[in-house]
Protein backbone atom coordinates (compact mmCIF):
# COMPACT_ATOMS: atom_id res chain seq x y z
CA UNK A 1 0.00 0.00 0.00
CA UNK A 2 1.24 3.49 -0.88
CA UNK A 3 0.69 6.74 0.99
CA UNK A 4 -1.38 9.62 -0.36
CA UNK A 5 0.47 12.48 1.33
CA UNK A 6 -1.78 14.93 -0.52
CA UNK A 7 -4.73 13.00 -2.02
CA UNK A 8 -6.05 13.92 -5.44
CA UNK A 9 -6.67 12.81 -9.00
CA UNK A 10 -4.15 13.03 -11.83
CA UNK A 11 -3.14 11.31 -15.04
CA UNK A 12 -0.15 11.73 -17.31
CA UNK A 13 3.10 10.37 -18.72
CA UNK A 14 5.64 9.14 -16.19
CA UNK A 15 8.95 10.97 -15.91
CA UNK A 16 11.22 9.16 -13.45
CA UNK A 17 14.78 9.71 -12.29
CA UNK A 18 17.02 8.15 -9.67
CA UNK A 19 18.57 11.54 -8.86
CA UNK A 20 16.86 14.18 -6.72
CA UNK A 21 16.12 17.57 -8.24
CA UNK A 22 16.14 21.11 -6.84
CA UNK A 23 13.27 23.04 -8.39
CA UNK A 24 14.99 26.35 -7.48
CA UNK A 25 17.87 26.64 -9.93
CA UNK A 26 16.80 23.38 -11.55
CA UNK A 27 13.37 24.10 -13.08
CA UNK A 28 12.20 27.17 -14.98
CA UNK A 29 9.21 28.48 -12.97
CA UNK A 30 7.60 29.90 -16.10
CA UNK A 31 7.69 26.78 -18.26
CA UNK A 32 8.46 23.67 -16.20
CA UNK A 33 11.61 22.91 -18.21
CA UNK A 34 14.53 21.38 -16.28
CA UNK A 35 17.38 23.92 -16.49
CA UNK A 36 19.91 22.25 -14.18
CA UNK A 37 22.70 21.60 -16.68
CA UNK A 38 24.14 18.82 -14.49
CA UNK A 39 20.90 16.85 -14.05
CA UNK A 40 19.91 13.77 -16.09
CA UNK A 41 16.52 15.37 -16.85
CA UNK A 42 18.08 18.55 -18.27
CA UNK A 43 15.92 19.86 -21.10
CA UNK A 44 12.85 17.76 -20.25
CA UNK A 45 9.48 19.39 -19.60
CA UNK A 46 7.78 18.40 -16.33
CA UNK A 47 4.44 20.08 -17.07
CA UNK A 48 1.58 17.60 -16.91
CA UNK A 49 3.81 14.63 -16.03
CA UNK A 50 3.65 12.23 -13.11
CA UNK A 51 7.10 13.03 -11.75
CA UNK A 52 8.81 10.25 -9.79
CA UNK A 53 11.92 11.13 -7.77
CA UNK A 54 13.60 9.52 -4.75
CA UNK A 55 13.23 12.89 -3.00
CA UNK A 56 14.07 16.53 -3.72
CA UNK A 57 17.38 18.20 -3.01
CA UNK A 58 18.95 21.64 -2.91
CA UNK A 59 17.17 24.89 -2.21
CA UNK A 60 14.25 25.42 0.16
CA UNK A 61 12.88 27.85 -2.48
CA UNK A 62 11.71 24.90 -4.56
CA UNK A 63 8.31 25.15 -2.86
CA UNK A 64 7.84 28.63 -4.34
CA UNK A 65 8.82 27.42 -7.80
CA UNK A 66 6.28 24.60 -7.59
CA UNK A 67 3.57 27.01 -6.46
CA UNK A 68 4.29 29.27 -9.42
CA UNK A 69 4.11 26.29 -11.78
CA UNK A 70 0.76 25.34 -10.25
CA UNK A 71 -0.58 28.87 -10.73
CA UNK A 72 0.57 29.12 -14.35
CA UNK A 73 -0.57 25.58 -15.29
CA UNK A 74 2.94 24.20 -15.93
CA UNK A 75 3.26 22.03 -12.82
CA UNK A 76 3.66 18.27 -12.85
CA UNK A 77 0.30 16.50 -12.71
CA UNK A 78 1.48 14.64 -9.60
CA UNK A 79 4.61 14.06 -7.51
CA UNK A 80 5.68 10.61 -6.37
CA UNK A 81 8.56 10.10 -3.93
CA UNK A 82 10.33 7.04 -2.57
CA UNK A 83 11.63 8.80 0.57
CA UNK A 84 10.26 11.48 2.86
CA UNK A 85 10.15 14.91 1.17
CA UNK A 86 9.18 18.34 2.50
CA UNK A 87 10.03 21.14 0.04
CA UNK A 88 7.87 20.23 -2.95
CA UNK A 89 5.21 18.69 -0.70
CA UNK A 90 4.80 22.03 1.05
CA UNK A 91 4.52 23.85 -2.29
CA UNK A 92 1.78 21.43 -3.35
CA UNK A 93 0.02 21.82 0.01
CA UNK A 94 -0.05 25.63 -0.25
CA UNK A 95 -1.18 25.42 -3.89
CA UNK A 96 -4.21 23.40 -2.80
CA UNK A 97 -5.08 25.11 0.50
CA UNK A 98 -4.69 28.74 -0.55
CA UNK A 99 -5.22 28.69 -4.30
CA UNK A 100 -7.31 25.64 -5.13
CA UNK A 101 -4.63 24.19 -7.44
CA UNK A 102 -4.29 20.68 -6.06
CA UNK A 103 -1.25 18.56 -6.95
CA UNK A 104 -1.38 15.00 -5.59
CA UNK A 105 1.73 13.88 -3.69
CA UNK A 106 2.37 10.17 -3.09
CA UNK A 107 5.02 8.08 -1.37
CA UNK A 108 5.72 4.55 -2.59
CA UNK A 109 7.93 1.77 -1.29
CA UNK A 110 11.10 1.08 -3.36
CA UNK A 111 9.56 -1.89 -5.21
CA UNK A 112 6.45 0.04 -6.25
CA UNK A 113 8.52 3.11 -7.10
CA UNK A 114 10.57 0.99 -9.51
CA UNK A 115 7.41 -0.36 -11.13
CA UNK A 116 6.13 3.19 -11.62
CA UNK A 117 9.46 4.29 -13.06
CA UNK A 118 9.20 1.60 -15.73
CA UNK A 119 5.67 2.56 -16.80
CA UNK A 120 4.81 4.94 -19.63
CA UNK A 121 1.73 6.52 -18.03
CA UNK A 122 0.06 6.61 -14.63
CA UNK A 123 -3.42 7.31 -13.37
CA UNK A 124 -4.03 8.44 -9.78
CA UNK A 125 -7.21 8.73 -7.74
CA UNK A 126 -7.57 9.59 -4.07
CA UNK A 127 -7.41 5.91 -3.21
CA UNK A 128 -5.40 4.19 -5.96
CA UNK A 129 -2.50 4.42 -8.43
CA UNK A 130 -2.42 2.47 -11.71
CA UNK A 131 0.71 2.46 -13.89
CA UNK A 132 1.58 -0.46 -16.16
CA UNK A 133 2.01 -3.49 -13.88
CA UNK A 134 1.59 -1.30 -10.78
CA UNK A 135 -1.87 -1.32 -9.19
CA UNK A 136 -1.85 -0.23 -5.58
CA UNK A 137 -4.27 1.16 -2.99
CA UNK A 138 -3.35 4.45 -1.34
CA UNK A 139 -3.74 5.26 2.33
CA UNK A 140 -4.37 8.88 3.30
CA UNK A 141 -2.17 10.62 5.86
CA UNK A 142 -4.12 12.67 8.41
CA UNK A 143 -3.31 14.96 11.33
CA UNK A 144 -5.96 13.56 13.65
CA UNK A 145 -3.42 11.65 15.75
CA UNK A 146 -1.25 14.68 16.58
CA UNK A 147 -0.88 15.47 20.29
CA UNK A 148 -1.57 19.20 20.15
CA UNK A 149 -1.02 21.63 23.02
CA UNK A 150 -3.68 24.03 24.22
CA UNK A 151 -1.84 26.81 22.39
CA UNK A 152 -1.81 24.81 19.15
CA UNK A 153 -5.54 24.22 19.42
CA UNK A 154 -6.10 27.90 20.11
CA UNK A 155 -4.28 28.75 16.88
CA UNK A 156 -6.43 26.24 14.96
CA UNK A 157 -9.56 27.77 16.48
CA UNK A 158 -8.58 31.15 15.06
CA UNK A 159 -8.13 32.82 18.44
CA UNK A 160 -5.03 34.68 17.19
CA UNK A 161 -6.42 35.50 13.76
CA UNK A 162 -6.78 33.93 10.34
CA UNK A 163 -3.10 33.98 9.34
CA UNK A 164 -1.88 32.05 12.42
CA UNK A 165 -4.85 29.67 12.03
CA UNK A 166 -3.85 28.90 8.46
CA UNK A 167 -0.20 28.61 9.51
CA UNK A 168 -1.09 26.04 12.17
CA UNK A 169 -3.23 24.07 9.71
CA UNK A 170 -0.26 23.86 7.33
CA UNK A 171 2.09 22.91 10.18
CA UNK A 172 -0.22 20.11 11.30
CA UNK A 173 -0.50 18.75 7.77
CA UNK A 174 3.29 18.74 7.41
CA UNK A 175 3.71 17.16 10.84
CA UNK A 176 1.38 14.34 9.84
CA UNK A 177 3.25 13.51 6.64
CA UNK A 178 6.57 13.66 8.52
CA UNK A 179 5.28 11.17 11.09
CA UNK A 180 5.61 13.64 13.98
CA UNK A 181 3.60 12.93 17.14
CA UNK A 182 3.54 16.57 18.28
CA UNK A 183 4.94 20.06 17.74
CA UNK A 184 7.72 21.78 19.67
CA UNK A 185 8.92 25.35 20.29
CA UNK A 186 11.69 27.16 18.41
CA UNK A 187 13.62 30.22 19.56
CA UNK A 188 14.12 31.89 16.16
CA UNK A 189 13.32 31.60 12.45
CA UNK A 190 15.21 32.37 9.24
CA UNK A 191 12.93 33.20 6.30
CA UNK A 192 13.95 31.95 2.84
CA UNK A 193 10.68 32.78 1.08
CA UNK A 194 11.67 36.44 0.64
CA UNK A 195 13.58 35.58 -2.57
CA UNK A 196 11.51 36.62 -5.59
CA UNK A 197 11.69 33.20 -7.24
CA UNK A 198 8.38 33.85 -8.95
CA UNK A 199 5.22 35.96 -8.60
CA UNK A 200 3.81 33.18 -6.40
CA UNK A 201 6.18 34.11 -3.57
CA UNK A 202 4.82 37.67 -3.57
CA UNK A 203 1.20 36.51 -3.80
CA UNK A 204 1.62 34.29 -0.74
CA UNK A 205 3.50 36.85 1.38
CA UNK A 206 1.17 39.75 0.66
CA UNK A 207 -1.90 37.61 1.26
CA UNK A 208 -0.55 36.63 4.68
CA UNK A 209 0.54 40.20 5.49
CA UNK A 210 -2.88 41.53 4.50
CA UNK A 211 -4.43 39.07 6.96
CA UNK A 212 -2.49 40.84 9.71
CA UNK A 213 0.21 38.20 10.16
CA UNK A 214 2.95 39.04 12.69
CA UNK A 215 5.95 36.94 13.68
CA UNK A 216 6.02 35.66 17.29
CA UNK A 217 9.72 34.79 17.57
CA UNK A 218 12.84 36.67 16.40
CA UNK A 219 12.97 36.23 12.63
CA UNK A 220 15.81 37.01 10.21
CA UNK A 221 15.54 37.23 6.43
CA UNK A 222 17.50 35.57 3.67
CA UNK A 223 19.14 37.41 0.80
CA UNK A 224 16.49 38.93 -1.44
CA UNK A 225 16.48 39.47 -5.19
CA UNK A 226 17.40 43.17 -5.36
CA UNK A 227 19.51 45.65 -3.44
CA UNK A 228 16.52 47.04 -1.57
CA UNK A 229 17.83 50.60 -1.27
CA UNK A 230 19.61 50.90 -4.61
CA UNK A 231 17.87 48.77 -7.24
CA UNK A 232 16.52 51.76 -9.17
CA UNK A 233 19.94 53.46 -9.33
CA UNK A 234 21.45 50.14 -10.41
CA UNK A 235 19.13 50.05 -13.41
CA UNK A 236 17.06 47.03 -12.39
CA UNK A 237 13.91 46.98 -14.56
CA UNK A 238 10.87 48.15 -12.56
CA UNK A 239 8.80 45.12 -13.60
CA UNK A 240 11.25 43.01 -11.58
CA UNK A 241 12.55 45.50 -9.03
CA UNK A 242 9.15 46.59 -7.72
CA UNK A 243 7.69 43.14 -6.97
CA UNK A 244 11.02 41.91 -5.56
CA UNK A 245 11.15 44.93 -3.26
CA UNK A 246 7.47 44.52 -2.33
CA UNK A 247 8.19 40.92 -1.35
CA UNK A 248 10.89 42.06 1.06
CA UNK A 249 8.59 44.79 2.36
CA UNK A 250 5.84 42.26 3.07
CA UNK A 251 8.06 40.22 5.38
CA UNK A 252 9.41 43.33 7.10
CA UNK A 253 5.80 44.44 7.58
CA UNK A 254 5.14 41.10 9.31
CA UNK A 255 7.95 41.84 11.78
CA UNK A 256 10.98 40.10 10.25
CA UNK A 257 14.42 41.68 10.70
CA UNK A 258 15.77 43.03 7.37
CA UNK A 259 19.06 41.13 7.67
CA UNK A 260 19.00 40.05 4.00
CA UNK A 261 21.72 37.41 4.22
CA UNK A 262 21.95 33.75 3.22
CA UNK A 263 24.50 33.27 6.03
CA UNK A 264 22.51 33.94 9.23
CA UNK A 265 25.19 32.05 11.18
CA UNK A 266 27.38 35.16 10.69
CA UNK A 267 24.90 37.40 12.54
CA UNK A 268 24.88 38.26 16.25
CA UNK A 269 21.82 36.00 16.65
CA UNK A 270 23.75 32.78 15.93
CA UNK A 271 22.08 29.86 17.80
CA UNK A 272 23.84 27.79 20.46
CA UNK A 273 24.48 24.05 20.43
CA UNK A 274 21.27 22.12 21.05
CA UNK A 275 19.04 25.15 20.38
CA UNK A 276 15.92 24.33 18.32
CA UNK A 277 15.42 26.90 15.55
CA UNK A 278 13.27 27.10 12.43
CA UNK A 279 15.63 27.91 9.58
CA UNK A 280 15.11 27.72 5.85
CA UNK A 281 17.90 28.20 3.20
CA UNK A 282 19.73 24.97 2.53
CA UNK A 283 23.31 26.03 3.25
CA UNK A 284 22.28 27.74 6.49
CA UNK A 285 20.39 24.67 7.70
CA UNK A 286 23.32 22.35 7.02
CA UNK A 287 25.81 24.71 8.70
CA UNK A 288 23.54 25.17 11.73
CA UNK A 289 23.14 21.42 12.27
CA UNK A 290 26.64 20.34 11.31
CA UNK A 291 28.97 23.07 12.57
CA UNK A 292 26.94 24.79 15.29
CA UNK A 293 25.14 21.65 16.57
CA UNK A 294 21.90 23.66 16.62
CA UNK A 295 18.77 21.84 15.48
CA UNK A 296 16.61 22.58 12.48
CA UNK A 297 14.94 20.68 9.69
CA UNK A 298 15.44 22.08 6.18
CA UNK A 299 12.15 23.95 6.22
CA UNK A 300 10.62 24.88 2.86
CA UNK A 301 9.65 28.37 1.80
CA UNK A 302 6.18 29.27 3.13
CA UNK A 303 6.54 26.85 6.06
CA UNK A 304 9.23 29.18 7.42
CA UNK A 305 6.62 31.93 7.79
CA UNK A 306 4.14 29.50 9.35
CA UNK A 307 6.77 28.67 11.97
CA UNK A 308 7.50 32.36 12.60
CA UNK A 309 3.79 33.11 13.10
CA UNK A 310 3.36 30.36 15.71
CA UNK A 311 6.84 29.63 17.12
CA UNK A 312 6.11 25.93 16.57
CA UNK A 313 7.56 23.16 14.37
CA UNK A 314 6.84 19.45 13.90
CA UNK A 315 9.02 17.44 16.27
CA UNK A 316 10.59 15.23 13.62
CA UNK A 317 13.71 14.76 11.54
CA UNK A 318 16.95 16.09 12.97
CA UNK A 319 15.20 17.74 15.89
CA UNK A 320 15.39 14.21 17.33
CA UNK A 321 18.67 12.63 18.48
CA UNK A 322 18.14 9.37 16.62
CA UNK A 323 17.76 11.12 13.27
CA UNK A 324 21.11 12.93 13.53
CA UNK A 325 23.11 9.72 13.12
CA UNK A 326 25.33 9.12 10.09
CA UNK A 327 24.18 6.30 7.82
CA UNK A 328 27.15 6.42 5.44
CA UNK A 329 30.86 6.69 6.25
CA UNK A 330 32.78 8.44 3.48
CA UNK A 331 36.50 7.88 3.86
CA UNK A 332 38.58 10.62 2.28
CA UNK A 333 42.09 11.83 2.86
CA UNK A 334 42.97 15.48 2.31
CA UNK A 335 45.43 15.58 -0.62
CA UNK A 336 48.83 16.97 0.31
CA UNK A 337 49.12 20.63 -0.55
CA UNK A 338 45.38 21.16 -1.04
CA UNK A 339 43.94 24.67 -0.96
CA UNK A 340 40.53 26.09 -0.09
CA UNK A 341 38.97 24.71 -3.31
CA UNK A 342 39.19 21.22 -1.77
CA UNK A 343 36.37 21.82 0.72
CA UNK A 344 33.54 22.83 -1.66
CA UNK A 345 34.64 20.08 -4.06
CA UNK A 346 34.47 17.56 -1.22
CA UNK A 347 31.04 18.82 -0.13
CA UNK A 348 29.76 18.54 -3.69
CA UNK A 349 31.11 14.99 -4.01
CA UNK A 350 29.84 13.97 -0.56
CA UNK A 351 26.34 15.09 -1.57
CA UNK A 352 26.50 12.94 -4.69
CA UNK A 353 27.64 9.97 -2.59
CA UNK A 354 25.04 10.56 0.16
CA UNK A 355 22.04 12.11 -1.63
CA UNK A 356 19.48 10.78 0.82
CA UNK A 357 21.31 10.28 4.13
CA UNK A 358 23.59 11.99 6.63
CA UNK A 359 27.26 11.07 6.06
CA UNK A 360 30.34 11.07 8.26
CA UNK A 361 33.44 12.33 6.44
CA UNK A 362 36.38 10.41 7.93
CA UNK A 363 40.11 10.61 7.31
CA UNK A 364 40.36 14.39 7.63
CA UNK A 365 41.40 14.48 11.27
CA UNK A 366 44.82 15.85 10.35
CA UNK A 367 43.41 18.67 8.22
CA UNK A 368 42.71 22.17 9.55
CA UNK A 369 39.54 23.52 7.93
CA UNK A 370 38.59 27.06 8.83
CA UNK A 371 35.03 28.15 9.52
CA UNK A 372 34.99 29.46 5.94
CA UNK A 373 36.09 26.06 4.63
CA UNK A 374 33.27 24.39 6.56
CA UNK A 375 30.83 27.00 5.24
CA UNK A 376 31.86 26.17 1.67
CA UNK A 377 31.68 22.44 2.40
CA UNK A 378 28.13 22.69 3.77
CA UNK A 379 26.87 24.87 0.93
CA UNK A 380 28.18 22.54 -1.77
CA UNK A 381 26.88 19.48 0.08
CA UNK A 382 23.38 20.96 0.17
CA UNK A 383 23.52 21.46 -3.58
CA UNK A 384 23.76 17.75 -4.37
CA UNK A 385 22.18 16.13 -1.28
CA UNK A 386 18.78 16.31 0.33
CA UNK A 387 20.23 15.56 3.78
CA UNK A 388 20.04 18.36 6.39
CA UNK A 389 23.53 17.87 7.85
CA UNK A 390 26.84 16.02 7.74
CA UNK A 391 29.57 15.15 10.22
CA UNK A 392 33.32 15.63 9.78
CA UNK A 393 35.44 13.47 12.07
CA UNK A 394 37.64 15.63 14.28
CA UNK A 395 35.99 18.89 13.22
CA UNK A 396 32.23 18.99 13.86
CA UNK A 397 30.83 18.74 17.39
CA UNK A 398 28.60 15.68 17.00
CA UNK A 399 30.97 13.55 14.89
CA UNK A 400 32.21 11.31 17.70
CA UNK A 401 29.92 8.32 18.09
CA UNK A 402 27.59 9.52 15.32
CA UNK A 403 27.50 6.31 13.25
CA UNK A 404 24.19 4.46 12.98
CA UNK A 405 24.23 0.70 13.35
CA UNK A 406 23.17 0.12 9.73
CA UNK A 407 25.68 2.57 8.18
CA UNK A 408 27.67 1.56 5.12
CA UNK A 409 30.99 2.88 3.77
CA UNK A 410 32.42 4.33 0.57
CA UNK A 411 35.95 5.51 -0.20
CA UNK A 412 36.79 8.72 -2.07
CA UNK A 413 39.77 8.57 -4.41
CA UNK A 414 41.69 11.53 -5.74
CA UNK A 415 40.31 10.68 -9.19
CA UNK A 416 36.79 11.29 -7.82
CA UNK A 417 37.75 14.82 -6.80
CA UNK A 418 39.41 15.40 -10.16
CA UNK A 419 36.15 14.39 -11.84
CA UNK A 420 34.29 17.00 -9.77
CA UNK A 421 36.83 19.63 -10.80
CA UNK A 422 36.22 18.82 -14.46
CA UNK A 423 32.44 18.89 -14.01
CA UNK A 424 32.58 22.34 -12.40
CA UNK A 425 35.03 23.65 -15.02
CA UNK A 426 33.13 22.98 -18.22
CA UNK A 427 33.31 26.60 -19.42
CA UNK A 428 35.91 28.24 -21.69
CA UNK A 429 39.21 29.38 -20.21
CA UNK A 430 38.62 33.03 -21.18
CA UNK A 431 36.79 34.54 -18.18
CA UNK A 432 35.13 37.96 -17.97
CA UNK A 433 33.60 38.00 -14.47
CA UNK A 434 34.71 36.82 -11.00
CA UNK A 435 31.82 35.97 -8.65
CA UNK A 436 32.55 35.72 -4.90
CA UNK A 437 30.03 35.27 -2.08
CA UNK A 438 27.76 32.25 -2.43
CA UNK A 439 26.96 31.97 0.45
CA UNK A 440 27.61 35.56 1.55
CA UNK A 441 31.23 36.27 2.46
CA UNK A 442 32.42 36.42 6.05
CA UNK A 443 34.65 39.12 7.48
CA UNK A 444 37.63 36.75 7.26
CA UNK A 445 36.89 36.15 3.57
CA UNK A 446 36.80 39.91 3.01
CA UNK A 447 40.22 40.10 4.65
CA UNK A 448 41.62 37.17 2.67
CA UNK A 449 40.55 38.73 -0.64
CA UNK A 450 42.08 42.07 0.36
CA UNK A 451 45.37 40.37 1.31
CA UNK A 452 45.57 38.62 -2.07
CA UNK A 453 44.97 41.87 -3.93
CA UNK A 454 47.42 43.80 -1.75
CA UNK A 455 50.14 41.49 -3.00
CA UNK A 456 49.81 42.34 -6.70
CA UNK A 457 51.04 45.32 -8.71
CA UNK A 458 48.24 45.69 -11.24
CA UNK A 459 44.54 46.34 -11.11
CA UNK A 460 42.22 43.50 -12.09
CA UNK A 461 41.27 43.47 -15.75
CA UNK A 462 38.22 41.30 -15.04
CA UNK A 463 35.54 42.71 -12.70
CA UNK A 464 35.24 41.15 -9.25
CA UNK A 465 31.79 41.29 -7.65
CA UNK A 466 31.35 40.21 -4.04
CA UNK A 467 27.96 39.64 -2.42
CA UNK A 468 27.71 40.11 1.34
CA UNK A 469 25.23 40.66 4.13
CA UNK A 470 24.78 44.19 5.43
CA UNK A 471 26.16 43.38 8.88
CA UNK A 472 29.43 41.91 7.58
CA UNK A 473 29.75 44.68 4.97
CA UNK A 474 29.50 47.26 7.74
CA UNK A 475 32.19 45.48 9.79
CA UNK A 476 34.50 45.42 6.77
CA UNK A 477 33.87 49.12 6.24
CA UNK A 478 34.56 49.98 9.89
CA UNK A 479 37.99 48.32 9.86
CA UNK A 480 39.01 49.70 6.45
CA UNK A 481 38.96 46.41 4.54
CA UNK A 482 36.08 47.52 2.34
CA UNK A 483 37.93 50.67 1.28
CA UNK A 484 40.99 48.59 0.35
CA UNK A 485 38.88 46.34 -1.85
CA UNK A 486 37.04 49.22 -3.48
CA UNK A 487 40.38 50.89 -4.28
CA UNK A 488 41.11 47.83 -6.42
CA UNK A 489 37.77 48.20 -8.19
CA UNK A 490 36.05 45.35 -6.34
CA UNK A 491 32.28 45.85 -6.31
CA UNK A 492 30.53 44.80 -3.09
CA UNK A 493 26.78 44.24 -3.38
CA UNK A 494 24.48 43.70 -0.40
CA UNK A 495 21.00 42.22 0.06
CA UNK A 496 21.34 39.83 -2.89
CA UNK A 497 23.36 36.65 -3.37
CA UNK A 498 24.70 35.10 -6.56
CA UNK A 499 21.84 32.61 -6.65
CA UNK A 500 19.34 35.49 -6.73
CA UNK A 501 21.30 38.11 -8.71
CA UNK A 502 20.00 39.32 -12.06
CA UNK A 503 20.92 41.80 -14.79
CA UNK A 504 22.05 44.53 -14.85
CA UNK A 505 23.76 43.96 -11.46
CA UNK A 506 24.99 40.78 -13.11
CA UNK A 507 26.99 42.33 -15.99
CA UNK A 508 25.00 41.60 -19.18
CA UNK A 509 28.16 41.36 -21.29
CA UNK A 510 29.75 38.66 -19.12
CA UNK A 511 29.60 35.25 -20.79
CA UNK A 512 31.97 33.19 -18.62
CA UNK A 513 32.32 33.55 -14.86
CA UNK A 514 34.82 32.26 -12.33
CA UNK A 515 33.77 31.42 -8.77
CA UNK A 516 35.17 29.75 -5.66
CA UNK A 517 31.69 28.51 -4.70
CA UNK A 518 30.81 24.90 -5.42
CA UNK A 519 27.16 25.82 -4.91
CA UNK A 520 27.17 28.61 -7.48
CA UNK A 521 29.36 26.68 -9.91
CA UNK A 522 26.54 24.12 -10.02
CA UNK A 523 23.58 26.50 -10.25
CA UNK A 524 25.02 29.32 -12.38
CA UNK A 525 24.57 27.75 -15.82
CA UNK A 526 20.85 27.25 -15.23
CA UNK A 527 20.23 30.48 -13.32
CA UNK A 528 22.35 32.88 -15.37
CA UNK A 529 22.80 31.14 -18.71
CA UNK A 530 26.56 31.64 -18.39
CA UNK A 531 29.43 29.19 -18.60
CA UNK A 532 31.40 28.58 -15.41
CA UNK A 533 34.90 28.01 -14.14
CA UNK A 534 35.67 27.05 -10.54
CA UNK A 535 38.74 27.30 -8.33
CA UNK A 536 40.24 28.61 -5.11
CA UNK A 537 40.03 32.21 -3.95
CA UNK A 538 43.62 32.68 -5.11
CA UNK A 539 42.65 31.25 -8.51
CA UNK A 540 39.83 33.80 -8.69
CA UNK A 541 42.25 36.67 -8.06
CA UNK A 542 44.66 35.28 -10.67
CA UNK A 543 41.85 35.07 -13.21
CA UNK A 544 40.80 38.65 -12.42
CA UNK A 545 44.33 39.78 -13.29
CA UNK A 546 44.85 37.68 -16.42
CA UNK A 547 41.39 36.81 -17.73
CA UNK A 548 42.53 33.20 -18.08
CA UNK A 549 41.32 30.25 -15.99
CA UNK A 550 43.67 27.33 -15.32
CA UNK A 551 43.53 24.76 -18.12
CA UNK A 552 44.13 21.76 -15.86
CA UNK A 553 43.30 20.66 -12.31
CA UNK A 554 45.49 21.99 -9.49
CA UNK A 555 48.72 20.17 -8.73
CA UNK A 556 47.32 18.61 -5.56
CA UNK A 557 44.85 16.66 -7.71
CA UNK A 558 47.50 15.39 -10.15
């Protein structure tokens, strides 16, 4: 028997893949075409299909992309998963509850999933799925067994208003499909839904704000899609700048702090070990769980606001001790002489090797990763894996004793890393833009870039653009580092990140970019339409001076 996570009726051709997909950066919200250049489904159209995936991966903003597809009639007819999945499920839930655009969501056991994947077409009712040799009853998932507190029931009764009532209804539905027995409190929230991924994000936020929604716990905001104070002077077209700015305004109106950073772990509100928070934004979630030992599920866009309005989350996933165990040991030795490019490459590879489970990276005990290295590792891992955290033996606080009893093991060879380098360096060697800051740079990264530029005698011939949060930008300005960078022609942009940047802030004439971010190296071809080169921060500075990317992998990969 399968599970009808969101019951409904649908019929269409089956599109199946063994690799998870991030809808944000992976699917065009206007058409339903897969734009992730690294994905097996690249170029396929998902509109009207019964889409079968193990689970999703990547960005929490995928829920907003799915909602937009539902509103413009380009969504899949149904979603079928083999594992638990939250991001696209939440998008489908909001599409049905708020907008009457139902998208059935099912979960099948591995054997039935394989039967579906081999079928040409599928038909789904509220109680059954038929696809080739597959004929299976579906059991509905309900929230009637949740152990709700008096406060939860008061929210559901509308005692705090319609927006919190709706938020609690969505939370209960998500808790039921996650298998949670009850909800629990969080101390803070980080909103990811403020990125203008599509008009649907604005429609949702303004509808909630117009209902009088107000956050109940301290709430920070992710990077948005425009420089909120300067987008008009920067030449951003009004038909994009106005709705993107209105989206940010809606969340500020609901009481969120205008932090506008995808690296909330760099703010003064950083959570402590063991603290339960409600964060969205994939890299932030993985860093919080892995490096800080705080606790948060990778909450989808829209659910982040529901959590902020109630201060409650389903008690499931990595909020629970037993779900923070590693189920795959990845043995890897740090190559002698490696530089900072090693860590995002390793994160990217680890995500490919553990797409659906938490891994332990072993064999790195003698290495000395900085906080910035771990930030890059976590961001790249979240690009290729759906897991909410990882452990690094000798370097992350919960690594000791983290292995689950049923864990397996894989070994990473240097050739595996070299293959990642080649995959992330598919673009031409002639580069005309250097992109730094995905996730947003830290103060130490500002300093490292300034030190590299201080050591050269010529100005860069290729523009360097750095994206940063306002708080870190202000610290760099106060100590003089920002002025040093600007004297070299480095452009520092706040409020937006590379994964949400658009023309003309993104130079329209640039055709090939160089980045030190494994995350952006993966997403940039689909998001920007540009070719990409990847390397260390020092490589980025060298390319800015010469315009030429290295033609071969670094010596430590030879």
